[in-house]
Amino acid sequence: MFLRQHQLHLATRKYYSRKSFMALKSTIYKAELQLSDMDRNYYAAHTLTLARHPSETDERMMVRLLAFALYAAENLVFAKGLSDIEEPDLWQKDYTGAIKLWIEVGQPEERRLLKACGRAEQVVVVSYASNSAIWWQGIGNRLERAKNLTVWNLPVATSQALEKMAQRNMQLQCTIQDGQLWMTDATNSVQVDLIRLKQSAA
């Protein structure tokens, strides 16, 4: 009898724990981004809304924002990402709904990337974290056939510096010139030197 009651108690705790997690909502961040990309001759001001998933860190969210700055375009938007496995972190579609650009942040699995390469014209990964080199060692050779895939690695010190800029309301300036990117706010300036692990051949 005691065992059955104990099992019921544990099952009830798991149910409410899962229910509480599911009830958690994304935290909304706002960013005013002034972008000057001299490499692409792209100059624009973007008002961005970033929904930070309960499982997402400030570091990951800021890498998403960096990815937007790198590939900014009028119709590039934040997708559902962690909230929906069928969507990337960012994507750009044309007027027909075809996916021109699919952007992933982190260390996606090989299967997911190959599927994305079949769906989108171009696929980009912005990897970060201390184990990025290990991830790429294990997956890189198997992705050689993905001709429309570009992979960048962001040094840990840089992603952590960007993390410190995270606020609920951000005023940011981004300058890109000769392959170098600077992200600044009222008190911080971060130089971003991305390492290219794979270049799209498409």
N, C-alpha and C. Protein backbone atom coordinates (compact mmCIF):
# COMPACT_ATOMS: atom_id res chain seq x y z
N MET A 1 0.84 -1.20 0.00
CA MET A 1 0.00 0.00 0.00
C MET A 1 0.88 1.26 0.00
N PHE A 2 1.88 1.23 0.88
CA PHE A 2 2.78 2.39 0.96
C PHE A 2 3.49 2.61 -0.36
N LEU A 3 3.92 1.48 -0.98
CA LEU A 3 4.64 1.57 -2.25
C LEU A 3 3.76 2.20 -3.32
N ARG A 4 2.49 1.79 -3.37
CA ARG A 4 1.57 2.34 -4.37
C ARG A 4 1.35 3.82 -4.15
N GLN A 5 1.21 4.24 -2.87
CA GLN A 5 1.03 5.66 -2.56
C GLN A 5 2.27 6.47 -2.95
N HIS A 6 3.45 5.87 -2.69
CA HIS A 6 4.69 6.55 -3.02
C HIS A 6 4.83 6.72 -4.53
N GLN A 7 4.49 5.68 -5.28
CA GLN A 7 4.55 5.76 -6.74
C GLN A 7 3.59 6.81 -7.27
N LEU A 8 2.39 6.86 -6.67
CA LEU A 8 1.40 7.86 -7.08
C LEU A 8 1.89 9.26 -6.78
N HIS A 9 2.54 9.43 -5.63
CA HIS A 9 3.09 10.74 -5.25
C HIS A 9 4.15 11.18 -6.25
N LEU A 10 5.05 10.25 -6.62
CA LEU A 10 6.09 10.59 -7.56
C LEU A 10 5.51 10.94 -8.93
N ALA A 11 4.53 10.18 -9.36
CA ALA A 11 3.89 10.45 -10.65
C ALA A 11 3.21 11.81 -10.65
N THR A 12 2.58 12.17 -9.53
CA THR A 12 1.91 13.47 -9.41
C THR A 12 2.92 14.60 -9.47
N ARG A 13 4.05 14.43 -8.78
CA ARG A 13 5.11 15.45 -8.80
C ARG A 13 5.65 15.65 -10.21
N LYS A 14 5.86 14.54 -10.92
CA LYS A 14 6.37 14.65 -12.28
C LYS A 14 5.37 15.36 -13.17
N TYR A 15 4.07 15.05 -12.97
CA TYR A 15 3.04 15.68 -13.80
C TYR A 15 3.03 17.18 -13.59
N TYR A 16 3.02 17.61 -12.33
CA TYR A 16 2.95 19.04 -12.07
C TYR A 16 4.25 19.75 -12.41
N SER A 17 5.37 19.04 -12.24
CA SER A 17 6.64 19.63 -12.65
C SER A 17 6.66 19.87 -14.14
N ARG A 18 6.19 18.87 -14.92
CA ARG A 18 6.14 19.02 -16.37
C ARG A 18 5.15 20.10 -16.75
N LYS A 19 4.01 20.14 -16.08
CA LYS A 19 2.99 21.14 -16.37
C LYS A 19 3.51 22.54 -16.09
N SER A 20 4.27 22.69 -14.99
CA SER A 20 4.82 24.01 -14.64
C SER A 20 5.82 24.46 -15.68
N PHE A 21 6.66 23.50 -16.17
CA PHE A 21 7.65 23.87 -17.18
C PHE A 21 6.96 24.30 -18.46
N MET A 22 5.90 23.54 -18.84
CA MET A 22 5.19 23.87 -20.06
C MET A 22 4.52 25.23 -19.97
N ALA A 23 4.18 25.64 -18.73
CA ALA A 23 3.48 26.92 -18.54
C ALA A 23 4.43 28.11 -18.62
N LEU A 24 5.73 27.84 -18.52
CA LEU A 24 6.69 28.93 -18.60
C LEU A 24 6.62 29.60 -19.96
N LYS A 25 6.68 30.91 -19.95
CA LYS A 25 6.61 31.66 -21.20
C LYS A 25 7.97 32.22 -21.56
N SER A 26 8.14 32.51 -22.84
CA SER A 26 9.38 33.14 -23.29
C SER A 26 9.49 34.55 -22.71
N THR A 27 10.72 34.97 -22.47
CA THR A 27 10.98 36.33 -22.01
C THR A 27 11.26 37.20 -23.22
N ILE A 28 10.60 38.34 -23.29
CA ILE A 28 10.71 39.20 -24.46
C ILE A 28 11.81 40.24 -24.26
N TYR A 29 12.70 40.30 -25.24
CA TYR A 29 13.76 41.31 -25.27
C TYR A 29 13.56 42.17 -26.52
N LYS A 30 13.90 43.43 -26.40
CA LYS A 30 13.80 44.37 -27.53
C LYS A 30 15.19 44.92 -27.85
N ALA A 31 15.45 45.10 -29.14
CA ALA A 31 16.73 45.67 -29.55
C ALA A 31 16.53 46.64 -30.69
N GLU A 32 17.11 47.82 -30.53
CA GLU A 32 17.19 48.78 -31.63
C GLU A 32 18.60 48.65 -32.21
N LEU A 33 18.69 48.13 -33.42
CA LEU A 33 19.99 47.83 -34.02
C LEU A 33 20.27 48.76 -35.19
N GLN A 34 21.31 49.56 -35.04
CA GLN A 34 21.78 50.41 -36.13
C GLN A 34 22.92 49.67 -36.83
N LEU A 35 22.71 49.30 -38.07
CA LEU A 35 23.65 48.44 -38.76
C LEU A 35 24.31 49.14 -39.94
N SER A 36 25.63 49.08 -39.98
CA SER A 36 26.41 49.60 -41.11
C SER A 36 27.32 48.48 -41.60
N ASP A 37 26.89 47.82 -42.67
CA ASP A 37 27.66 46.72 -43.24
C ASP A 37 28.32 47.22 -44.53
N MET A 38 29.55 47.65 -44.41
CA MET A 38 30.26 48.20 -45.56
C MET A 38 30.68 47.12 -46.56
N ASP A 39 30.78 45.88 -46.10
CA ASP A 39 31.14 44.79 -47.00
C ASP A 39 30.00 44.48 -47.98
N ARG A 40 28.77 44.64 -47.52
CA ARG A 40 27.61 44.36 -48.39
C ARG A 40 26.92 45.63 -48.86
N ASN A 41 27.45 46.78 -48.42
CA ASN A 41 26.82 48.06 -48.74
C ASN A 41 25.37 48.09 -48.25
N TYR A 42 25.19 47.62 -47.01
CA TYR A 42 23.86 47.54 -46.41
C TYR A 42 23.83 48.41 -45.16
N TYR A 43 22.93 49.38 -45.14
CA TYR A 43 22.81 50.31 -44.01
C TYR A 43 21.34 50.41 -43.62
N ALA A 44 21.03 50.09 -42.37
CA ALA A 44 19.62 50.07 -41.98
C ALA A 44 19.50 50.13 -40.46
N ALA A 45 18.32 50.54 -40.02
CA ALA A 45 17.97 50.50 -38.60
C ALA A 45 16.87 49.44 -38.44
N HIS A 46 17.09 48.51 -37.53
CA HIS A 46 16.14 47.42 -37.32
C HIS A 46 15.61 47.47 -35.89
N THR A 47 14.30 47.39 -35.74
CA THR A 47 13.67 47.23 -34.44
C THR A 47 13.34 45.76 -34.27
N LEU A 48 14.03 45.10 -33.34
CA LEU A 48 13.94 43.65 -33.23
C LEU A 48 13.28 43.23 -31.92
N THR A 49 12.52 42.16 -32.00
CA THR A 49 11.93 41.53 -30.83
C THR A 49 12.46 40.11 -30.76
N LEU A 50 13.11 39.78 -29.65
CA LEU A 50 13.66 38.45 -29.45
C LEU A 50 12.91 37.77 -28.31
N ALA A 51 12.30 36.64 -28.59
CA ALA A 51 11.62 35.85 -27.56
C ALA A 51 12.62 34.81 -27.05
N ARG A 52 13.05 34.97 -25.80
CA ARG A 52 14.02 34.03 -25.24
C ARG A 52 13.30 32.87 -24.60
N HIS A 53 13.47 31.70 -25.19
CA HIS A 53 12.87 30.46 -24.69
C HIS A 53 13.33 30.20 -23.26
N PRO A 54 12.50 29.57 -22.41
CA PRO A 54 12.92 29.30 -21.02
C PRO A 54 14.24 28.54 -20.90
N SER A 55 14.55 27.71 -21.90
CA SER A 55 15.79 26.93 -21.84
C SER A 55 16.97 27.65 -22.49
N GLU A 56 16.74 28.84 -23.03
CA GLU A 56 17.80 29.56 -23.74
C GLU A 56 18.55 30.50 -22.79
N THR A 57 19.87 30.57 -22.96
CA THR A 57 20.69 31.48 -22.16
C THR A 57 20.79 32.84 -22.84
N ASP A 58 21.22 33.85 -22.09
CA ASP A 58 21.48 35.15 -22.69
C ASP A 58 22.56 35.05 -23.75
N GLU A 59 23.54 34.18 -23.52
CA GLU A 59 24.63 34.01 -24.48
C GLU A 59 24.08 33.54 -25.83
N ARG A 60 23.25 32.53 -25.82
CA ARG A 60 22.69 32.01 -27.06
C ARG A 60 21.82 33.04 -27.76
N MET A 61 21.03 33.75 -26.98
CA MET A 61 20.16 34.78 -27.56
C MET A 61 20.99 35.86 -28.26
N MET A 62 22.11 36.26 -27.65
CA MET A 62 22.94 37.30 -28.26
C MET A 62 23.66 36.78 -29.51
N VAL A 63 23.95 35.49 -29.55
CA VAL A 63 24.52 34.91 -30.78
C VAL A 63 23.47 34.92 -31.89
N ARG A 64 22.22 34.70 -31.54
CA ARG A 64 21.14 34.83 -32.53
C ARG A 64 21.09 36.26 -33.09
N LEU A 65 21.22 37.23 -32.19
CA LEU A 65 21.19 38.62 -32.63
C LEU A 65 22.39 38.93 -33.53
N LEU A 66 23.55 38.37 -33.17
CA LEU A 66 24.73 38.53 -34.01
C LEU A 66 24.50 37.94 -35.40
N ALA A 67 23.88 36.76 -35.45
CA ALA A 67 23.59 36.12 -36.74
C ALA A 67 22.68 37.00 -37.59
N PHE A 68 21.73 37.67 -36.94
CA PHE A 68 20.88 38.59 -37.69
C PHE A 68 21.72 39.71 -38.30
N ALA A 69 22.62 40.28 -37.50
CA ALA A 69 23.46 41.38 -37.99
C ALA A 69 24.32 40.93 -39.18
N LEU A 70 24.82 39.71 -39.12
CA LEU A 70 25.69 39.21 -40.19
C LEU A 70 24.96 39.08 -41.53
N TYR A 71 23.68 38.69 -41.47
CA TYR A 71 22.94 38.40 -42.69
C TYR A 71 21.70 39.28 -42.84
N ALA A 72 21.70 40.41 -42.20
CA ALA A 72 20.51 41.27 -42.16
C ALA A 72 19.96 41.56 -43.55
N ALA A 73 18.65 41.48 -43.63
CA ALA A 73 17.92 41.81 -44.85
C ALA A 73 16.51 42.17 -44.43
N GLU A 74 15.80 42.82 -45.32
CA GLU A 74 14.45 43.29 -44.98
C GLU A 74 13.53 42.15 -44.57
N ASN A 75 13.68 40.99 -45.20
CA ASN A 75 12.78 39.88 -44.91
C ASN A 75 13.45 38.75 -44.13
N LEU A 76 14.57 39.03 -43.47
CA LEU A 76 15.16 38.07 -42.54
C LEU A 76 14.47 38.23 -41.19
N VAL A 77 13.97 37.14 -40.62
CA VAL A 77 13.22 37.21 -39.37
C VAL A 77 13.66 36.11 -38.42
N PHE A 78 13.40 36.32 -37.13
CA PHE A 78 13.62 35.28 -36.14
C PHE A 78 12.48 34.26 -36.26
N ALA A 79 12.84 33.00 -36.37
CA ALA A 79 11.86 31.93 -36.44
C ALA A 79 11.64 31.37 -35.04
N LYS A 80 10.90 30.26 -34.94
CA LYS A 80 10.54 29.72 -33.63
C LYS A 80 11.70 29.00 -32.94
N GLY A 81 12.66 28.51 -33.75
CA GLY A 81 13.87 27.94 -33.16
C GLY A 81 13.61 26.85 -32.14
N LEU A 82 14.00 27.08 -30.89
CA LEU A 82 13.88 26.09 -29.83
C LEU A 82 12.44 25.68 -29.55
N SER A 83 11.49 26.50 -29.95
CA SER A 83 10.08 26.21 -29.68
C SER A 83 9.45 25.30 -30.74
N ASP A 84 10.13 25.09 -31.86
CA ASP A 84 9.57 24.29 -32.95
C ASP A 84 10.71 23.66 -33.74
N ILE A 85 10.82 22.33 -33.70
CA ILE A 85 11.94 21.65 -34.35
C ILE A 85 11.88 21.77 -35.87
N GLU A 86 10.75 22.20 -36.41
CA GLU A 86 10.63 22.33 -37.86
C GLU A 86 11.13 23.69 -38.37
N GLU A 87 11.53 24.56 -37.45
CA GLU A 87 12.00 25.89 -37.85
C GLU A 87 13.41 26.15 -37.32
N PRO A 88 14.18 26.98 -38.04
CA PRO A 88 15.53 27.34 -37.57
C PRO A 88 15.45 28.49 -36.57
N ASP A 89 16.60 29.06 -36.25
CA ASP A 89 16.62 30.24 -35.38
C ASP A 89 16.25 31.50 -36.16
N LEU A 90 16.69 31.58 -37.41
CA LEU A 90 16.31 32.68 -38.30
C LEU A 90 16.10 32.11 -39.69
N TRP A 91 15.23 32.76 -40.46
CA TRP A 91 15.12 32.41 -41.86
C TRP A 91 14.66 33.58 -42.70
N GLN A 92 14.95 33.44 -43.97
CA GLN A 92 14.58 34.45 -44.96
C GLN A 92 13.85 33.73 -46.09
N LYS A 93 12.64 34.21 -46.39
CA LYS A 93 11.84 33.60 -47.44
C LYS A 93 11.58 34.61 -48.56
N ASP A 94 11.35 34.11 -49.76
CA ASP A 94 10.97 35.02 -50.84
C ASP A 94 9.45 35.16 -50.87
N TYR A 95 8.93 35.89 -51.84
CA TYR A 95 7.49 36.19 -51.86
C TYR A 95 6.63 34.95 -52.12
N THR A 96 7.25 33.86 -52.61
CA THR A 96 6.50 32.62 -52.85
C THR A 96 6.47 31.72 -51.63
N GLY A 97 7.27 32.07 -50.60
CA GLY A 97 7.39 31.23 -49.42
C GLY A 97 8.58 30.30 -49.45
N ALA A 98 9.31 30.30 -50.56
CA ALA A 98 10.52 29.46 -50.64
C ALA A 98 11.58 30.01 -49.68
N ILE A 99 12.33 29.10 -49.05
CA ILE A 99 13.33 29.49 -48.05
C ILE A 99 14.65 29.80 -48.74
N LYS A 100 15.06 31.05 -48.70
CA LYS A 100 16.32 31.46 -49.30
C LYS A 100 17.49 31.23 -48.34
N LEU A 101 17.25 31.47 -47.05
CA LEU A 101 18.33 31.36 -46.06
C LEU A 101 17.78 30.75 -44.77
N TRP A 102 18.50 29.76 -44.27
CA TRP A 102 18.14 29.05 -43.03
C TRP A 102 19.34 29.17 -42.10
N ILE A 103 19.16 29.77 -40.92
CA ILE A 103 20.28 30.00 -39.99
C ILE A 103 20.04 29.25 -38.68
N GLU A 104 21.04 28.45 -38.29
CA GLU A 104 21.02 27.71 -37.03
C GLU A 104 22.11 28.27 -36.11
N VAL A 105 21.80 28.33 -34.82
CA VAL A 105 22.76 28.76 -33.81
C VAL A 105 23.07 27.58 -32.91
N GLY A 106 24.36 27.34 -32.65
CA GLY A 106 24.74 26.24 -31.76
C GLY A 106 25.42 25.12 -32.51
N GLN A 107 25.06 23.90 -32.17
CA GLN A 107 25.71 22.72 -32.74
C GLN A 107 24.66 21.70 -33.18
N PRO A 108 24.00 21.98 -34.30
CA PRO A 108 22.94 21.09 -34.77
C PRO A 108 23.48 19.72 -35.19
N GLU A 109 22.59 18.73 -35.19
CA GLU A 109 22.97 17.40 -35.62
C GLU A 109 23.09 17.34 -37.15
N GLU A 110 23.88 16.38 -37.61
CA GLU A 110 24.09 16.18 -39.05
C GLU A 110 22.76 16.01 -39.79
N ARG A 111 21.91 15.19 -39.25
CA ARG A 111 20.63 14.90 -39.92
C ARG A 111 19.79 16.16 -40.11
N ARG A 112 19.76 16.99 -39.09
CA ARG A 112 18.99 18.24 -39.16
C ARG A 112 19.56 19.17 -40.23
N LEU A 113 20.88 19.26 -40.30
CA LEU A 113 21.50 20.15 -41.27
C LEU A 113 21.29 19.67 -42.70
N LEU A 114 21.41 18.37 -42.92
CA LEU A 114 21.19 17.84 -44.26
C LEU A 114 19.74 18.05 -44.71
N LYS A 115 18.83 17.90 -43.78
CA LYS A 115 17.43 18.16 -44.09
C LYS A 115 17.22 19.63 -44.44
N ALA A 116 17.85 20.52 -43.67
CA ALA A 116 17.75 21.96 -43.94
C ALA A 116 18.33 22.30 -45.30
N CYS A 117 19.46 21.66 -45.65
CA CYS A 117 20.09 21.93 -46.94
C CYS A 117 19.20 21.50 -48.11
N GLY A 118 18.32 20.56 -47.86
CA GLY A 118 17.37 20.15 -48.87
C GLY A 118 16.18 21.06 -48.98
N ARG A 119 15.94 21.84 -47.94
CA ARG A 119 14.77 22.73 -47.90
C ARG A 119 15.10 24.16 -48.31
N ALA A 120 16.33 24.60 -48.04
CA ALA A 120 16.69 26.01 -48.22
C ALA A 120 17.75 26.19 -49.29
N GLU A 121 17.76 27.37 -49.88
CA GLU A 121 18.78 27.70 -50.89
C GLU A 121 20.16 27.78 -50.26
N GLN A 122 20.25 28.39 -49.08
CA GLN A 122 21.50 28.49 -48.33
C GLN A 122 21.24 28.19 -46.86
N VAL A 123 22.19 27.48 -46.23
CA VAL A 123 22.09 27.16 -44.81
C VAL A 123 23.36 27.67 -44.12
N VAL A 124 23.18 28.30 -42.97
CA VAL A 124 24.32 28.85 -42.20
C VAL A 124 24.22 28.36 -40.77
N VAL A 125 25.35 27.97 -40.20
CA VAL A 125 25.44 27.64 -38.78
C VAL A 125 26.41 28.62 -38.13
N VAL A 126 26.00 29.19 -37.01
CA VAL A 126 26.91 29.99 -36.18
C VAL A 126 27.09 29.20 -34.89
N SER A 127 28.22 28.52 -34.79
CA SER A 127 28.51 27.68 -33.64
C SER A 127 29.25 28.49 -32.57
N TYR A 128 29.05 28.10 -31.31
CA TYR A 128 29.76 28.74 -30.21
C TYR A 128 29.90 27.72 -29.09
N ALA A 129 30.54 28.05 -28.03
CA ALA A 129 30.78 27.21 -26.85
C ALA A 129 32.13 26.51 -26.95
N SER A 130 32.64 26.09 -25.80
CA SER A 130 33.99 25.56 -25.70
C SER A 130 34.17 24.23 -26.41
N ASN A 131 33.08 23.50 -26.63
CA ASN A 131 33.21 22.19 -27.28
C ASN A 131 32.90 22.23 -28.77
N SER A 132 32.91 23.42 -29.37
CA SER A 132 32.61 23.55 -30.80
C SER A 132 33.60 22.76 -31.66
N ALA A 133 34.88 22.79 -31.29
CA ALA A 133 35.89 22.08 -32.08
C ALA A 133 35.62 20.58 -32.09
N ILE A 134 35.23 20.05 -30.94
CA ILE A 134 34.92 18.61 -30.84
C ILE A 134 33.70 18.28 -31.69
N TRP A 135 32.69 19.15 -31.61
CA TRP A 135 31.47 18.96 -32.42
C TRP A 135 31.82 18.92 -33.90
N TRP A 136 32.64 19.86 -34.37
CA TRP A 136 32.96 19.93 -35.79
C TRP A 136 33.85 18.77 -36.23
N GLN A 137 34.74 18.33 -35.36
CA GLN A 137 35.57 17.16 -35.67
C GLN A 137 34.72 15.93 -35.93
N GLY A 138 33.65 15.82 -35.17
CA GLY A 138 32.80 14.64 -35.28
C GLY A 138 31.82 14.69 -36.44
N ILE A 139 31.55 15.89 -36.94
CA ILE A 139 30.49 16.03 -37.93
C ILE A 139 30.96 16.58 -39.27
N GLY A 140 32.09 17.28 -39.27
CA GLY A 140 32.54 18.01 -40.45
C GLY A 140 32.66 17.19 -41.72
N ASN A 141 33.34 16.04 -41.65
CA ASN A 141 33.54 15.22 -42.84
C ASN A 141 32.24 14.73 -43.45
N ARG A 142 31.26 14.49 -42.60
CA ARG A 142 29.98 13.97 -43.09
C ARG A 142 29.12 15.05 -43.73
N LEU A 143 29.55 16.31 -43.61
CA LEU A 143 28.78 17.41 -44.19
C LEU A 143 29.43 17.98 -45.45
N GLU A 144 30.49 17.33 -45.92
CA GLU A 144 31.15 17.82 -47.13
C GLU A 144 30.21 17.83 -48.33
N ARG A 145 29.28 16.90 -48.36
CA ARG A 145 28.34 16.82 -49.50
C ARG A 145 27.30 17.93 -49.48
N ALA A 146 27.19 18.63 -48.37
CA ALA A 146 26.22 19.73 -48.26
C ALA A 146 26.83 20.98 -48.88
N LYS A 147 26.66 21.14 -50.17
CA LYS A 147 27.33 22.21 -50.92
C LYS A 147 26.79 23.61 -50.61
N ASN A 148 25.59 23.68 -50.07
CA ASN A 148 24.99 24.99 -49.78
C ASN A 148 25.06 25.34 -48.29
N LEU A 149 26.03 24.77 -47.59
CA LEU A 149 26.18 24.97 -46.14
C LEU A 149 27.43 25.78 -45.82
N THR A 150 27.25 26.81 -45.00
CA THR A 150 28.36 27.60 -44.45
C THR A 150 28.35 27.46 -42.93
N VAL A 151 29.52 27.24 -42.35
CA VAL A 151 29.62 27.07 -40.90
C VAL A 151 30.64 28.04 -40.34
N TRP A 152 30.22 28.82 -39.34
CA TRP A 152 31.09 29.74 -38.63
C TRP A 152 31.26 29.28 -37.19
N ASN A 153 32.42 29.58 -36.62
CA ASN A 153 32.62 29.34 -35.20
C ASN A 153 32.94 30.66 -34.51
N LEU A 154 32.26 30.90 -33.41
CA LEU A 154 32.45 32.13 -32.62
C LEU A 154 33.26 31.79 -31.38
N PRO A 155 34.42 32.42 -31.18
CA PRO A 155 35.23 32.12 -29.99
C PRO A 155 34.44 32.33 -28.70
N VAL A 156 34.74 31.51 -27.72
CA VAL A 156 34.00 31.55 -26.45
C VAL A 156 34.08 32.91 -25.79
N ALA A 157 35.26 33.52 -25.79
CA ALA A 157 35.42 34.82 -25.15
C ALA A 157 34.51 35.87 -25.79
N THR A 158 34.30 35.74 -27.09
CA THR A 158 33.45 36.71 -27.80
C THR A 158 31.98 36.51 -27.46
N SER A 159 31.53 35.27 -27.46
CA SER A 159 30.11 35.02 -27.13
C SER A 159 29.81 35.41 -25.69
N GLN A 160 30.77 35.22 -24.80
CA GLN A 160 30.58 35.62 -23.41
C GLN A 160 30.58 37.14 -23.25
N ALA A 161 31.38 37.83 -24.07
CA ALA A 161 31.38 39.30 -24.05
C ALA A 161 30.04 39.83 -24.57
N LEU A 162 29.51 39.20 -25.60
CA LEU A 162 28.19 39.60 -26.12
C LEU A 162 27.10 39.35 -25.09
N GLU A 163 27.23 38.27 -24.34
CA GLU A 163 26.25 37.93 -23.31
C GLU A 163 26.08 39.07 -22.31
N LYS A 164 27.18 39.75 -21.98
CA LYS A 164 27.15 40.83 -21.00
C LYS A 164 26.37 42.04 -21.50
N MET A 165 26.09 42.09 -22.81
CA MET A 165 25.35 43.21 -23.37
C MET A 165 23.84 42.98 -23.34
N ALA A 166 23.43 41.78 -22.94
CA ALA A 166 22.01 41.43 -22.96
C ALA A 166 21.22 42.22 -21.92
N GLN A 167 20.19 42.93 -22.39
CA GLN A 167 19.26 43.66 -21.53
C GLN A 167 17.87 43.54 -22.14
N ARG A 168 16.87 43.80 -21.34
CA ARG A 168 15.50 43.69 -21.85
C ARG A 168 15.22 44.70 -22.96
N ASN A 169 15.88 45.86 -22.88
CA ASN A 169 15.79 46.86 -23.93
C ASN A 169 17.21 47.29 -24.30
N MET A 170 17.58 47.02 -25.55
CA MET A 170 18.97 47.27 -25.97
C MET A 170 19.03 48.30 -27.09
N GLN A 171 20.04 49.14 -27.01
CA GLN A 171 20.37 50.09 -28.08
C GLN A 171 21.75 49.70 -28.58
N LEU A 172 21.82 49.15 -29.79
CA LEU A 172 23.07 48.58 -30.28
C LEU A 172 23.47 49.18 -31.62
N GLN A 173 24.77 49.30 -31.81
CA GLN A 173 25.32 49.70 -33.10
C GLN A 173 26.24 48.58 -33.58
N CYS A 174 26.11 48.24 -34.84
CA CYS A 174 26.94 47.18 -35.41
C CYS A 174 27.60 47.69 -36.68
N THR A 175 28.91 47.52 -36.76
CA THR A 175 29.67 47.92 -37.95
C THR A 175 30.41 46.70 -38.49
N ILE A 176 30.32 46.49 -39.80
CA ILE A 176 31.02 45.38 -40.44
C ILE A 176 31.87 45.93 -41.57
N GLN A 177 33.16 45.61 -41.52
CA GLN A 177 34.08 46.09 -42.55
C GLN A 177 35.24 45.12 -42.69
N ASP A 178 35.55 44.74 -43.92
CA ASP A 178 36.66 43.84 -44.21
C ASP A 178 36.58 42.55 -43.40
N GLY A 179 35.36 42.04 -43.26
CA GLY A 179 35.18 40.76 -42.57
C GLY A 179 35.19 40.84 -41.06
N GLN A 180 35.40 42.02 -40.50
CA GLN A 180 35.37 42.20 -39.05
C GLN A 180 34.09 42.90 -38.63
N LEU A 181 33.61 42.52 -37.46
CA LEU A 181 32.36 43.07 -36.94
C LEU A 181 32.60 43.64 -35.55
N TRP A 182 32.03 44.80 -35.31
CA TRP A 182 32.04 45.42 -33.98
C TRP A 182 30.60 45.63 -33.52
N MET A 183 30.31 45.18 -32.30
CA MET A 183 29.00 45.40 -31.70
C MET A 183 29.21 46.29 -30.48
N THR A 184 28.48 47.40 -30.42
CA THR A 184 28.67 48.34 -29.32
C THR A 184 27.33 48.76 -28.73
N ASP A 185 27.36 49.09 -27.44
CA ASP A 185 26.22 49.74 -26.79
C ASP A 185 26.76 50.94 -26.04
N ALA A 186 26.02 51.44 -25.07
CA ALA A 186 26.43 52.66 -24.38
C ALA A 186 27.72 52.48 -23.58
N THR A 187 28.02 51.25 -23.16
CA THR A 187 29.16 51.04 -22.26
C THR A 187 30.16 49.99 -22.75
N ASN A 188 29.77 49.18 -23.73
CA ASN A 188 30.63 48.09 -24.16
C ASN A 188 30.87 48.12 -25.66
N SER A 189 32.02 47.57 -26.05
CA SER A 189 32.33 47.39 -27.47
C SER A 189 33.00 46.02 -27.62
N VAL A 190 32.44 45.21 -28.51
CA VAL A 190 32.95 43.85 -28.69
C VAL A 190 33.37 43.68 -30.14
N GLN A 191 34.63 43.29 -30.33
CA GLN A 191 35.12 42.96 -31.68
C GLN A 191 34.86 41.48 -31.93
N VAL A 192 34.23 41.19 -33.06
CA VAL A 192 33.86 39.82 -33.39
C VAL A 192 34.68 39.34 -34.57
N ASP A 193 35.48 38.32 -34.34
CA ASP A 193 36.28 37.70 -35.41
C ASP A 193 35.81 36.25 -35.55
N LEU A 194 34.94 36.02 -36.50
CA LEU A 194 34.41 34.69 -36.72
C LEU A 194 35.42 33.82 -37.47
N ILE A 195 35.43 32.53 -37.16
CA ILE A 195 36.28 31.56 -37.82
C ILE A 195 35.42 30.73 -38.77
N ARG A 196 35.77 30.73 -40.05
CA ARG A 196 34.98 29.97 -41.01
C ARG A 196 35.44 28.52 -41.02
N LEU A 197 34.53 27.61 -40.70
CA LEU A 197 34.83 26.17 -40.70
C LEU A 197 34.46 25.51 -42.02
N LYS A 198 33.47 26.08 -42.70
CA LYS A 198 33.04 25.54 -44.00
C LYS A 198 32.42 26.66 -44.82
N GLN A 199 32.75 26.69 -46.10
CA GLN A 199 32.22 27.70 -47.01
C GLN A 199 31.27 27.04 -48.01
N SER A 200 30.11 27.65 -48.19
CA SER A 200 29.17 27.14 -49.18
C SER A 200 29.79 27.23 -50.58
N ALA A 201 29.55 26.17 -51.36
CA ALA A 201 30.04 26.16 -52.73
C ALA A 201 28.92 26.45 -53.72
N ALA A 202 27.72 26.65 -53.21
CA ALA A 202 26.55 26.87 -54.08
C ALA A 202 26.39 28.35 -54.38
